PDB file of N, CA and C in Angstrom:
ATOM      1  N   ASP A   1     -38.986  33.292 159.676  1.00  0.00           N
ATOM      2  CA  ASP A   1     -38.313  34.247 160.541  1.00  0.00           C
ATOM      3  C   ASP A   1     -37.201  34.931 159.764  1.00  0.00           C
ATOM      4  N   VAL A   2     -37.078  36.223 160.004  1.00  0.00           N
ATOM      5  CA  VAL A   2     -36.090  37.031 159.294  1.00  0.00           C
ATOM      6  C   VAL A   2     -35.210  37.734 160.317  1.00  0.00           C
ATOM      7  N   ILE A   3     -33.911  37.775 160.064  1.00  0.00           N
ATOM      8  CA  ILE A   3     -32.973  38.460 160.954  1.00  0.00           C
ATOM      9  C   ILE A   3     -32.937  39.934 160.570  1.00  0.00           C
ATOM     10  N   PRO A   4     -33.215  40.844 161.501  1.00  0.00           N
ATOM     11  CA  PRO A   4     -33.153  42.273 161.172  1.00  0.00           C
ATOM     12  C   PRO A   4     -31.704  42.707 160.949  1.00  0.00           C
ATOM     13  N   VAL A   5     -31.507  43.637 160.025  1.00  0.00           N
ATOM     14  CA  VAL A   5     -30.164  44.099 159.684  1.00  0.00           C
ATOM     15  C   VAL A   5     -30.082  45.600 159.948  1.00  0.00           C
ATOM     16  N   PRO A   6     -29.084  46.049 160.717  1.00  0.00           N
ATOM     17  CA  PRO A   6     -28.940  47.488 160.965  1.00  0.00           C
ATOM     18  C   PRO A   6     -28.652  48.252 159.677  1.00  0.00           C
ATOM     19  N   LYS A   7     -29.129  49.482 159.605  1.00  0.00           N
ATOM     20  CA  LYS A   7     -28.940  50.342 158.436  1.00  0.00           C
ATOM     21  C   LYS A   7     -27.446  50.588 158.173  1.00  0.00           C
ATOM     22  N   MET A   8     -26.633  50.513 159.233  1.00  0.00           N
ATOM     23  CA  MET A   8     -25.199  50.744 159.109  1.00  0.00           C
ATOM     24  C   MET A   8     -24.566  49.786 158.090  1.00  0.00           C
ATOM     25  N   PHE A   9     -24.998  48.515 158.084  1.00  0.00           N
ATOM     26  CA  PHE A   9     -24.439  47.545 157.141  1.00  0.00           C
ATOM     27  C   PHE A   9     -24.791  47.916 155.702  1.00  0.00           C
ATOM     28  N   GLU A  10     -26.019  48.367 155.489  1.00  0.00           N
ATOM     29  CA  GLU A  10     -26.435  48.772 154.139  1.00  0.00           C
ATOM     30  C   GLU A  10     -25.603  49.958 153.671  1.00  0.00           C
ATOM     31  N   ASN A  11     -25.389  50.939 154.550  1.00  0.00           N
ATOM     32  CA  ASN A  11     -24.580  52.108 154.191  1.00  0.00           C
ATOM     33  C   ASN A  11     -23.142  51.709 153.861  1.00  0.00           C
ATOM     34  N   LEU A  12     -22.591  50.781 154.622  1.00  0.00           N
ATOM     35  CA  LEU A  12     -21.228  50.307 154.373  1.00  0.00           C
ATOM     36  C   LEU A  12     -21.119  49.630 153.009  1.00  0.00           C
ATOM     37  N   LEU A  13     -22.093  48.785 152.671  1.00  0.00           N
ATOM     38  CA  LEU A  13     -22.072  48.116 151.370  1.00  0.00           C
ATOM     39  C   LEU A  13     -22.243  49.107 150.228  1.00  0.00           C
ATOM     40  N   ASN A  14     -23.094  50.120 150.414  1.00  0.00           N
ATOM     41  CA  ASN A  14     -23.262  51.143 149.378  1.00  0.00           C
ATOM     42  C   ASN A  14     -21.944  51.847 149.098  1.00  0.00           C
ATOM     43  N   LYS A  15     -21.193  52.174 150.140  1.00  0.00           N
ATOM     44  CA  LYS A  15     -19.894  52.828 149.959  1.00  0.00           C
ATOM     45  C   LYS A  15     -18.937  51.934 149.175  1.00  0.00           C
ATOM     46  N   GLN A  16     -18.953  50.622 149.480  1.00  0.00           N
ATOM     47  CA  GLN A  16     -18.072  49.691 148.779  1.00  0.00           C
ATOM     48  C   GLN A  16     -18.413  49.609 147.297  1.00  0.00           C
ATOM     49  N   TRP A  17     -19.705  49.590 146.953  1.00  0.00           N
ATOM     50  CA  TRP A  17     -20.099  49.473 145.547  1.00  0.00           C
ATOM     51  C   TRP A  17     -19.805  50.755 144.784  1.00  0.00           C
ATOM     52  N   GLU A  18     -19.888  51.921 145.468  1.00  0.00           N
ATOM     53  CA  GLU A  18     -19.672  53.191 144.785  1.00  0.00           C
ATOM     54  C   GLU A  18     -18.206  53.408 144.439  1.00  0.00           C
ATOM     55  N   SER A  19     -17.246  52.927 145.263  1.00  0.00           N
ATOM     56  CA  SER A  19     -15.829  53.110 144.998  1.00  0.00           C
ATOM     57  C   SER A  19     -15.307  52.000 144.067  1.00  0.00           C
ATOM     58  N   ALA A  20     -14.901  52.135 143.568  1.00  0.00           N
ATOM     59  CA  ALA A  20     -14.357  51.123 142.706  1.00  0.00           C
ATOM     60  C   ALA A  20     -15.229  50.557 141.515  1.00  0.00           C
ATOM     61  N   THR A  21     -21.301  31.952 136.629  1.00  0.00           N
ATOM     62  CA  THR A  21     -20.339  31.291 137.445  1.00  0.00           C
ATOM     63  C   THR A  21     -20.900  29.966 137.977  1.00  0.00           C
ATOM     64  N   SER A  22     -19.982  29.403 138.150  1.00  0.00           N
ATOM     65  CA  SER A  22     -20.536  28.228 138.825  1.00  0.00           C
ATOM     66  C   SER A  22     -20.007  28.241 140.251  1.00  0.00           C
ATOM     67  N   PHE A  23     -20.912  28.195 141.185  1.00  0.00           N
ATOM     68  CA  PHE A  23     -20.558  28.252 142.588  1.00  0.00           C
ATOM     69  C   PHE A  23     -21.591  27.464 143.367  1.00  0.00           C
ATOM     70  N   PRO A  24     -21.205  26.808 144.445  1.00  0.00           N
ATOM     71  CA  PRO A  24     -22.194  26.011 145.175  1.00  0.00           C
ATOM     72  C   PRO A  24     -23.362  26.874 145.648  1.00  0.00           C
ATOM     73  N   THR A  25     -24.555  26.430 145.365  1.00  0.00           N
ATOM     74  CA  THR A  25     -25.726  27.182 145.802  1.00  0.00           C
ATOM     75  C   THR A  25     -25.981  26.904 147.273  1.00  0.00           C
ATOM     76  N   PRO A  26     -26.539  27.884 147.965  1.00  0.00           N
ATOM     77  CA  PRO A  26     -26.817  27.683 149.387  1.00  0.00           C
ATOM     78  C   PRO A  26     -27.827  26.561 149.595  1.00  0.00           C
ATOM     79  N   SER A  27     -27.616  25.790 150.631  1.00  0.00           N
ATOM     80  CA  SER A  27     -28.542  24.705 150.943  1.00  0.00           C
ATOM     81  C   SER A  27     -29.758  25.269 151.678  1.00  0.00           C
ATOM     82  N   ASN A  28     -30.765  24.438 151.870  1.00  0.00           N
ATOM     83  CA  ASN A  28     -31.944  24.866 152.628  1.00  0.00           C
ATOM     84  C   ASN A  28     -31.556  25.224 154.060  1.00  0.00           C
ATOM     85  N   PHE A  29     -30.570  24.511 154.593  1.00  0.00           N
ATOM     86  CA  PHE A  29     -30.065  24.808 155.930  1.00  0.00           C
ATOM     87  C   PHE A  29     -29.518  26.237 155.981  1.00  0.00           C
ATOM     88  N   ASP A  30     -28.695  26.607 154.985  1.00  0.00           N
ATOM     89  CA  ASP A  30     -28.122  27.954 154.929  1.00  0.00           C
ATOM     90  C   ASP A  30     -29.213  29.006 154.805  1.00  0.00           C
ATOM     91  N   LYS A  31     -30.168  28.748 153.928  1.00  0.00           N
ATOM     92  CA  LYS A  31     -31.236  29.721 153.703  1.00  0.00           C
ATOM     93  C   LYS A  31     -32.102  29.906 154.948  1.00  0.00           C
ATOM     94  N   LYS A  32     -32.258  28.851 155.727  1.00  0.00           N
ATOM     95  CA  LYS A  32     -33.086  28.937 156.932  1.00  0.00           C
ATOM     96  C   LYS A  32     -32.371  29.705 158.042  1.00  0.00           C
ATOM     97  N   PHE A  33     -31.093  29.410 158.258  1.00  0.00           N
ATOM     98  CA  PHE A  33     -30.380  30.006 159.375  1.00  0.00           C
ATOM     99  C   PHE A  33     -29.738  31.355 159.061  1.00  0.00           C
ATOM    100  N   PHE A  34     -29.586  31.694 157.804  1.00  0.00           N
ATOM    101  CA  PHE A  34     -29.004  32.980 157.430  1.00  0.00           C
ATOM    102  C   PHE A  34     -29.978  33.764 156.566  1.00  0.00           C
ATOM    103  N   ASN A  35     -31.234  33.766 156.965  1.00  0.00           N
ATOM    104  CA  ASN A  35     -32.297  34.447 156.232  1.00  0.00           C
ATOM    105  C   ASN A  35     -32.338  35.903 156.674  1.00  0.00           C
ATOM    106  N   LEU A  36     -31.685  36.791 155.907  1.00  0.00           N
ATOM    107  CA  LEU A  36     -31.627  38.202 156.245  1.00  0.00           C
ATOM    108  C   LEU A  36     -32.766  38.953 155.568  1.00  0.00           C
ATOM    109  N   GLU A  37     -32.954  40.199 155.988  1.00  0.00           N
ATOM    110  CA  GLU A  37     -33.991  41.029 155.390  1.00  0.00           C
ATOM    111  C   GLU A  37     -33.781  41.118 153.881  1.00  0.00           C
ATOM    112  N   THR A  38     -34.883  41.207 153.153  1.00  0.00           N
ATOM    113  CA  THR A  38     -34.815  41.204 151.691  1.00  0.00           C
ATOM    114  C   THR A  38     -34.047  42.398 151.150  1.00  0.00           C
ATOM    115  N   ASP A  39     -34.275  43.594 151.719  1.00  0.00           N
ATOM    116  CA  ASP A  39     -33.581  44.787 151.227  1.00  0.00           C
ATOM    117  C   ASP A  39     -32.070  44.631 151.344  1.00  0.00           C
ATOM    118  N   PHE A  40     -31.612  44.073 152.456  1.00  0.00           N
ATOM    119  CA  PHE A  40     -30.176  43.889 152.656  1.00  0.00           C
ATOM    120  C   PHE A  40     -29.637  42.781 151.768  1.00  0.00           C
ATOM    121  N   SER A  41     -30.402  41.725 151.582  1.00  0.00           N
ATOM    122  CA  SER A  41     -29.958  40.601 150.746  1.00  0.00           C
ATOM    123  C   SER A  41     -29.740  41.031 149.300  1.00  0.00           C
ATOM    124  N   LYS A  42     -30.502  42.020 148.834  1.00  0.00           N
ATOM    125  CA  LYS A  42     -30.333  42.522 147.461  1.00  0.00           C
ATOM    126  C   LYS A  42     -28.942  43.122 147.263  1.00  0.00           C
ATOM    127  N   PHE A  43     -28.388  43.740 148.321  1.00  0.00           N
ATOM    128  CA  PHE A  43     -27.058  44.332 148.215  1.00  0.00           C
ATOM    129  C   PHE A  43     -25.976  43.276 148.088  1.00  0.00           C
ATOM    130  N   LEU A  44     -26.258  42.062 148.528  1.00  0.00           N
ATOM    131  CA  LEU A  44     -25.261  40.993 148.498  1.00  0.00           C
ATOM    132  C   LEU A  44     -25.256  40.211 147.193  1.00  0.00           C
ATOM    133  N   GLU A  45     -26.200  40.504 146.298  1.00  0.00           N
ATOM    134  CA  GLU A  45     -26.250  39.812 145.012  1.00  0.00           C
ATOM    135  C   GLU A  45     -25.165  40.360 144.090  1.00  0.00           C
ATOM    136  N   THR A  46     -24.716  39.534 143.161  1.00  0.00           N
ATOM    137  CA  THR A  46     -23.710  39.970 142.195  1.00  0.00           C
ATOM    138  C   THR A  46     -24.329  41.005 141.262  1.00  0.00           C
ATOM    139  N   PRO A  47     -23.714  42.186 141.139  1.00  0.00           N
ATOM    140  CA  PRO A  47     -24.291  43.222 140.278  1.00  0.00           C
ATOM    141  C   PRO A  47     -24.169  42.858 138.802  1.00  0.00           C
ATOM    142  N   GLN A  48     -25.104  43.335 138.005  1.00  0.00           N
ATOM    143  CA  GLN A  48     -25.079  43.113 136.564  1.00  0.00           C
ATOM    144  C   GLN A  48     -24.195  44.169 135.906  1.00  0.00           C
ATOM    145  N   VAL A  49     -23.462  43.778 134.890  1.00  0.00           N
ATOM    146  CA  VAL A  49     -22.619  44.710 134.145  1.00  0.00           C
ATOM    147  C   VAL A  49     -23.411  45.203 132.949  1.00  0.00           C
ATOM    148  N   ASP A  50     -23.416  46.518 132.745  1.00  0.00           N
ATOM    149  CA  ASP A  50     -24.148  47.102 131.628  1.00  0.00           C
ATOM    150  C   ASP A  50     -23.503  46.714 130.305  1.00  0.00           C
ATOM    151  N   GLU A  51     -24.327  46.543 129.276  1.00  0.00           N
ATOM    152  CA  GLU A  51     -23.825  46.199 127.942  1.00  0.00           C
ATOM    153  C   GLU A  51     -22.825  47.234 127.415  1.00  0.00           C
ATOM    154  N   PRO A  52     -23.068  48.567 127.589  1.00  0.00           N
ATOM    155  CA  PRO A  52     -22.074  49.532 127.081  1.00  0.00           C
ATOM    156  C   PRO A  52     -20.698  49.366 127.724  1.00  0.00           C
ATOM    157  N   ILE A  53     -20.651  48.966 128.985  1.00  0.00           N
ATOM    158  CA  ILE A  53     -19.367  48.757 129.660  1.00  0.00           C
ATOM    159  C   ILE A  53     -18.632  47.579 129.028  1.00  0.00           C
ATOM    160  N   VAL A  54     -19.355  46.516 128.746  1.00  0.00           N
ATOM    161  CA  VAL A  54     -18.750  45.337 128.126  1.00  0.00           C
ATOM    162  C   VAL A  54     -18.261  45.685 126.723  1.00  0.00           C
ATOM    163  N   ALA A  55     -19.026  46.493 126.006  1.00  0.00           N
ATOM    164  CA  ALA A  55     -18.624  46.886 124.654  1.00  0.00           C
ATOM    165  C   ALA A  55     -17.320  47.684 124.686  1.00  0.00           C
ATOM    166  N   LEU A  56     -17.113  48.481 125.730  1.00  0.00           N
ATOM    167  CA  LEU A  56     -15.865  49.239 125.854  1.00  0.00           C
ATOM    168  C   LEU A  56     -14.666  48.315 126.038  1.00  0.00           C
ATOM    169  N   ALA A  57     -14.878  47.180 126.657  1.00  0.00           N
ATOM    170  CA  ALA A  57     -13.791  46.229 126.884  1.00  0.00           C
ATOM    171  C   ALA A  57     -13.445  45.450 125.625  1.00  0.00           C
ATOM    172  N   SER A  58     -14.325  45.470 124.646  1.00  0.00           N
ATOM    173  CA  SER A  58     -14.115  44.714 123.422  1.00  0.00           C
ATOM    174  C   SER A  58     -13.146  45.443 122.496  1.00  0.00           C
ATOM    175  N   ALA A  59     -12.284  44.689 121.825  1.00  0.00           N
ATOM    176  CA  ALA A  59     -11.350  45.277 120.861  1.00  0.00           C
ATOM    177  C   ALA A  59     -12.040  45.548 119.533  1.00  0.00           C
ATOM    178  N   SER A  60     -13.198  44.962 119.316  1.00  0.00           N
ATOM    179  CA  SER A  60     -13.926  45.101 118.060  1.00  0.00           C
ATOM    180  C   SER A  60     -14.950  46.223 118.158  1.00  0.00           C
ATOM    181  N   THR A  61     -15.225  46.873 117.016  1.00  0.00           N
ATOM    182  CA  THR A  61     -16.266  47.898 116.999  1.00  0.00           C
ATOM    183  C   THR A  61     -17.618  47.306 116.631  1.00  0.00           C
ATOM    184  N   ILE A  62     -17.630  46.029 116.273  1.00  0.00           N
ATOM    185  CA  ILE A  62     -18.880  45.360 115.930  1.00  0.00           C
ATOM    186  C   ILE A  62     -19.599  45.006 117.226  1.00  0.00           C
ATOM    187  N   PRO A  63     -20.869  45.416 117.358  1.00  0.00           N
ATOM    188  CA  PRO A  63     -21.591  45.079 118.593  1.00  0.00           C
ATOM    189  C   PRO A  63     -21.700  43.569 118.766  1.00  0.00           C
ATOM    190  N   THR A  64     -21.402  43.109 119.964  1.00  0.00           N
ATOM    191  CA  THR A  64     -21.474  41.682 120.260  1.00  0.00           C
ATOM    192  C   THR A  64     -22.214  41.484 121.568  1.00  0.00           C
ATOM    193  N   GLU A  65     -22.512  40.239 121.842  1.00  0.00           N
ATOM    194  CA  GLU A  65     -23.105  39.902 123.133  1.00  0.00           C
ATOM    195  C   GLU A  65     -22.054  40.117 124.219  1.00  0.00           C
ATOM    196  N   ALA A  66     -22.502  40.351 125.422  1.00  0.00           N
ATOM    197  CA  ALA A  66     -21.588  40.645 126.533  1.00  0.00           C
ATOM    198  C   ALA A  66     -20.576  39.525 126.742  1.00  0.00           C
ATOM    199  N   GLU A  67     -21.022  38.289 126.710  1.00  0.00           N
ATOM    200  CA  GLU A  67     -20.123  37.169 126.976  1.00  0.00           C
ATOM    201  C   GLU A  67     -19.134  36.941 125.839  1.00  0.00           C
ATOM    202  N   GLU A  68     -19.530  37.276 124.607  1.00  0.00           N
ATOM    203  CA  GLU A  68     -18.637  37.076 123.469  1.00  0.00           C
ATOM    204  C   GLU A  68     -17.530  38.119 123.438  1.00  0.00           C
ATOM    205  N   ALA A  69     -17.746  39.285 124.059  1.00  0.00           N
ATOM    206  CA  ALA A  69     -16.761  40.359 124.021  1.00  0.00           C
ATOM    207  C   ALA A  69     -15.584  40.096 124.954  1.00  0.00           C
ATOM    208  N   LEU A  70     -15.742  39.205 125.896  1.00  0.00           N
ATOM    209  CA  LEU A  70     -14.672  38.935 126.855  1.00  0.00           C
ATOM    210  C   LEU A  70     -13.646  37.957 126.293  1.00  0.00           C
ATOM    211  N   LYS A  71     -12.385  38.240 126.558  1.00  0.00           N
ATOM    212  CA  LYS A  71     -11.304  37.330 126.189  1.00  0.00           C
ATOM    213  C   LYS A  71     -11.297  36.180 127.194  1.00  0.00           C
ATOM    214  N   PRO A  72     -10.663  35.047 126.840  1.00  0.00           N
ATOM    215  CA  PRO A  72     -10.636  33.910 127.780  1.00  0.00           C
ATOM    216  C   PRO A  72     -10.075  34.266 129.159  1.00  0.00           C
ATOM    217  N   GLU A  73      -9.007  35.076 129.192  1.00  0.00           N
ATOM    218  CA  GLU A  73      -8.449  35.452 130.499  1.00  0.00           C
ATOM    219  C   GLU A  73      -9.396  36.372 131.266  1.00  0.00           C
ATOM    220  N   ASP A  74     -10.177  37.193 130.519  1.00  0.00           N
ATOM    221  CA  ASP A  74     -11.168  38.042 131.175  1.00  0.00           C
ATOM    222  C   ASP A  74     -12.302  37.207 131.757  1.00  0.00           C
ATOM    223  N   LYS A  75     -12.673  36.135 131.044  1.00  0.00           N
ATOM    224  CA  LYS A  75     -13.727  35.253 131.551  1.00  0.00           C
ATOM    225  C   LYS A  75     -13.283  34.571 132.838  1.00  0.00           C
ATOM    226  N   LYS A  76     -12.009  34.146 132.890  1.00  0.00           N
ATOM    227  CA  LYS A  76     -11.481  33.519 134.107  1.00  0.00           C
ATOM    228  C   LYS A  76     -11.466  34.521 135.257  1.00  0.00           C
ATOM    229  N   ALA A  77     -11.059  35.746 134.957  1.00  0.00           N
ATOM    230  CA  ALA A  77     -11.030  36.779 135.995  1.00  0.00           C
ATOM    231  C   ALA A  77     -12.438  37.088 136.486  1.00  0.00           C
ATOM    232  N   GLU A  78     -13.394  37.153 135.550  1.00  0.00           N
ATOM    233  CA  GLU A  78     -14.779  37.421 135.946  1.00  0.00           C
ATOM    234  C   GLU A  78     -15.314  36.302 136.834  1.00  0.00           C
ATOM    235  N   LEU A  79     -15.024  35.055 136.482  1.00  0.00           N
ATOM    236  CA  LEU A  79     -15.477  33.921 137.288  1.00  0.00           C
ATOM    237  C   LEU A  79     -14.860  33.973 138.687  1.00  0.00           C
ATOM    238  N   ALA A  80     -13.575  34.315 138.755  1.00  0.00           N
ATOM    239  CA  ALA A  80     -12.913  34.429 140.061  1.00  0.00           C
ATOM    240  C   ALA A  80     -13.537  35.544 140.893  1.00  0.00           C
ATOM    241  N   LEU A  81     -13.854  36.665 140.244  1.00  0.00           N
ATOM    242  CA  LEU A  81     -14.483  37.775 140.964  1.00  0.00           C
ATOM    243  C   LEU A  81     -15.883  37.407 141.442  1.00  0.00           C
ATOM    244  N   ARG A  82     -16.631  36.681 140.606  1.00  0.00           N
ATOM    245  CA  ARG A  82     -17.977  36.250 141.016  1.00  0.00           C
ATOM    246  C   ARG A  82     -17.905  35.299 142.212  1.00  0.00           C
ATOM    247  N   LYS A  83     -16.956  34.362 142.169  1.00  0.00           N
ATOM    248  CA  LYS A  83     -16.797  33.428 143.291  1.00  0.00           C
ATOM    249  C   LYS A  83     -16.426  34.181 144.565  1.00  0.00           C
ATOM    250  N   ALA A  84     -15.522  35.139 144.438  1.00  0.00           N
ATOM    251  CA  ALA A  84     -15.118  35.930 145.604  1.00  0.00           C
ATOM    252  C   ALA A  84     -16.293  36.730 146.147  1.00  0.00           C
ATOM    253  N   GLN A  85     -17.100  37.294 145.245  1.00  0.00           N
ATOM    254  CA  GLN A  85     -18.256  38.076 145.684  1.00  0.00           C
ATOM    255  C   GLN A  85     -19.266  37.197 146.402  1.00  0.00           C
ATOM    256  N   HIS A  86     -19.508  35.998 145.878  1.00  0.00           N
ATOM    257  CA  HIS A  86     -20.453  35.075 146.518  1.00  0.00           C
ATOM    258  C   HIS A  86     -19.950  34.653 147.903  1.00  0.00           C
ATOM    259  N   SER A  87     -18.667  34.339 148.006  1.00  0.00           N
ATOM    260  CA  SER A  87     -18.144  33.913 149.309  1.00  0.00           C
ATOM    261  C   SER A  87     -18.146  35.071 150.299  1.00  0.00           C
ATOM    262  N   ASP A  88     -17.860  36.284 149.817  1.00  0.00           N
ATOM    263  CA  ASP A  88     -17.929  37.453 150.696  1.00  0.00           C
ATOM    264  C   ASP A  88     -19.353  37.702 151.169  1.00  0.00           C
ATOM    265  N   ALA A  89     -20.318  37.526 150.265  1.00  0.00           N
ATOM    266  CA  ALA A  89     -21.722  37.727 150.633  1.00  0.00           C
ATOM    267  C   ALA A  89     -22.138  36.750 151.726  1.00  0.00           C
ATOM    268  N   TRP A  90     -21.716  35.492 151.597  1.00  0.00           N
ATOM    269  CA  TRP A  90     -22.067  34.508 152.629  1.00  0.00           C
ATOM    270  C   TRP A  90     -21.336  34.792 153.930  1.00  0.00           C
ATOM    271  N   ALA A  91     -20.118  35.286 153.864  1.00  0.00           N
ATOM    272  CA  ALA A  91     -19.396  35.653 155.087  1.00  0.00           C
ATOM    273  C   ALA A  91     -20.106  36.803 155.792  1.00  0.00           C
ATOM    274  N   ILE A  92     -20.614  37.760 155.017  1.00  0.00           N
ATOM    275  CA  ILE A  92     -21.364  38.877 155.595  1.00  0.00           C
ATOM    276  C   ILE A  92     -22.647  38.376 156.245  1.00  0.00           C
ATOM    277  N   LYS A  93     -23.338  37.451 155.580  1.00  0.00           N
ATOM    278  CA  LYS A  93     -24.573  36.907 156.155  1.00  0.00           C
ATOM    279  C   LYS A  93     -24.295  36.208 157.480  1.00  0.00           C
ATOM    280  N   VAL A  94     -23.243  35.404 157.520  1.00  0.00           N
ATOM    281  CA  VAL A  94     -22.900  34.681 158.744  1.00  0.00           C
ATOM    282  C   VAL A  94     -22.506  35.664 159.845  1.00  0.00           C
ATOM    283  N   ALA A  95     -21.687  36.657 159.512  1.00  0.00           N
ATOM    284  CA  ALA A  95     -21.252  37.636 160.508  1.00  0.00           C
ATOM    285  C   ALA A  95     -22.430  38.458 161.023  1.00  0.00           C
ATOM    286  N   THR A  96     -23.350  38.822 160.131  1.00  0.00           N
ATOM    287  CA  THR A  96     -24.529  39.583 160.538  1.00  0.00           C
ATOM    288  C   THR A  96     -25.396  38.771 161.485  1.00  0.00           C
ATOM    289  N   ALA A  97     -25.617  37.509 161.143  1.00  0.00           N
ATOM    290  CA  ALA A  97     -26.426  36.642 162.006  1.00  0.00           C
ATOM    291  C   ALA A  97     -25.747  36.448 163.361  1.00  0.00           C
ATOM    292  N   ALA A  98     -24.436  36.218 163.355  1.00  0.00           N
ATOM    293  CA  ALA A  98     -23.706  36.032 164.613  1.00  0.00           C
ATOM    294  C   ALA A  98     -23.753  37.298 165.460  1.00  0.00           C
ATOM    295  N   SER A  99     -23.601  38.451 164.816  1.00  0.00           N
ATOM    296  CA  SER A  99     -23.653  39.723 165.529  1.00  0.00           C
ATOM    297  C   SER A  99     -25.024  39.946 166.159  1.00  0.00           C
ATOM    298  N   PHE A 100     -26.071  39.647 165.404  1.00  0.00           N
ATOM    299  CA  PHE A 100     -27.434  39.836 165.912  1.00  0.00           C
ATOM    300  C   PHE A 100     -27.686  38.954 167.125  1.00  0.00           C
ATOM    301  N   PHE A 101     -27.328  37.678 167.014  1.00  0.00           N
ATOM    302  CA  PHE A 101     -27.611  36.755 168.105  1.00  0.00           C
ATOM    303  C   PHE A 101     -26.712  37.002 169.314  1.00  0.00           C
ATOM    304  N   THR A 102     -25.484  37.476 169.091  1.00  0.00           N
ATOM    305  CA  THR A 102     -24.605  37.808 170.205  1.00  0.00           C
ATOM    306  C   THR A 102     -25.172  38.984 170.994  1.00  0.00           C
ATOM    307  N   ARG A 103     -25.674  39.997 170.286  1.00  0.00           N
ATOM    308  CA  ARG A 103     -26.275  41.146 170.959  1.00  0.00           C
ATOM    309  C   ARG A 103     -27.581  40.766 171.642  1.00  0.00           C
ATOM    310  N   ALA A 104     -28.286  39.782 171.099  1.00  0.00           N
ATOM    311  CA  ALA A 104     -29.570  39.372 171.680  1.00  0.00           C
ATOM    312  C   ALA A 104     -29.377  38.617 172.991  1.00  0.00           C
ATOM    313  N   ILE A 105     -28.221  37.991 173.144  1.00  0.00           N
ATOM    314  CA  ILE A 105     -27.966  37.205 174.360  1.00  0.00           C
ATOM    315  C   ILE A 105     -27.566  38.132 175.421  1.00  0.00           C
TER     316      ILE A 105
END
């Protein structure tokens, strides 16, 4: 069973992405009760950073791997941002499911 997601939520997330890790994985319970449409779930995944963007952040002109170009404080900031993004994604899933079932009642 899949919970339908209004197009409004997708549009809102698109606007957020246009402007501007180790984390507990969801359990089978979470995946069963917060199973949203696949198209919407893709918007909640952590976006990939392009290699040219990472190279711009590097102080060296020698091409390096994306992870090697980050300073230790940048790695900590990236991990914090990934954790925040994951927790926000799960909060959105829970709110979407609650909204759907509240309207259904």
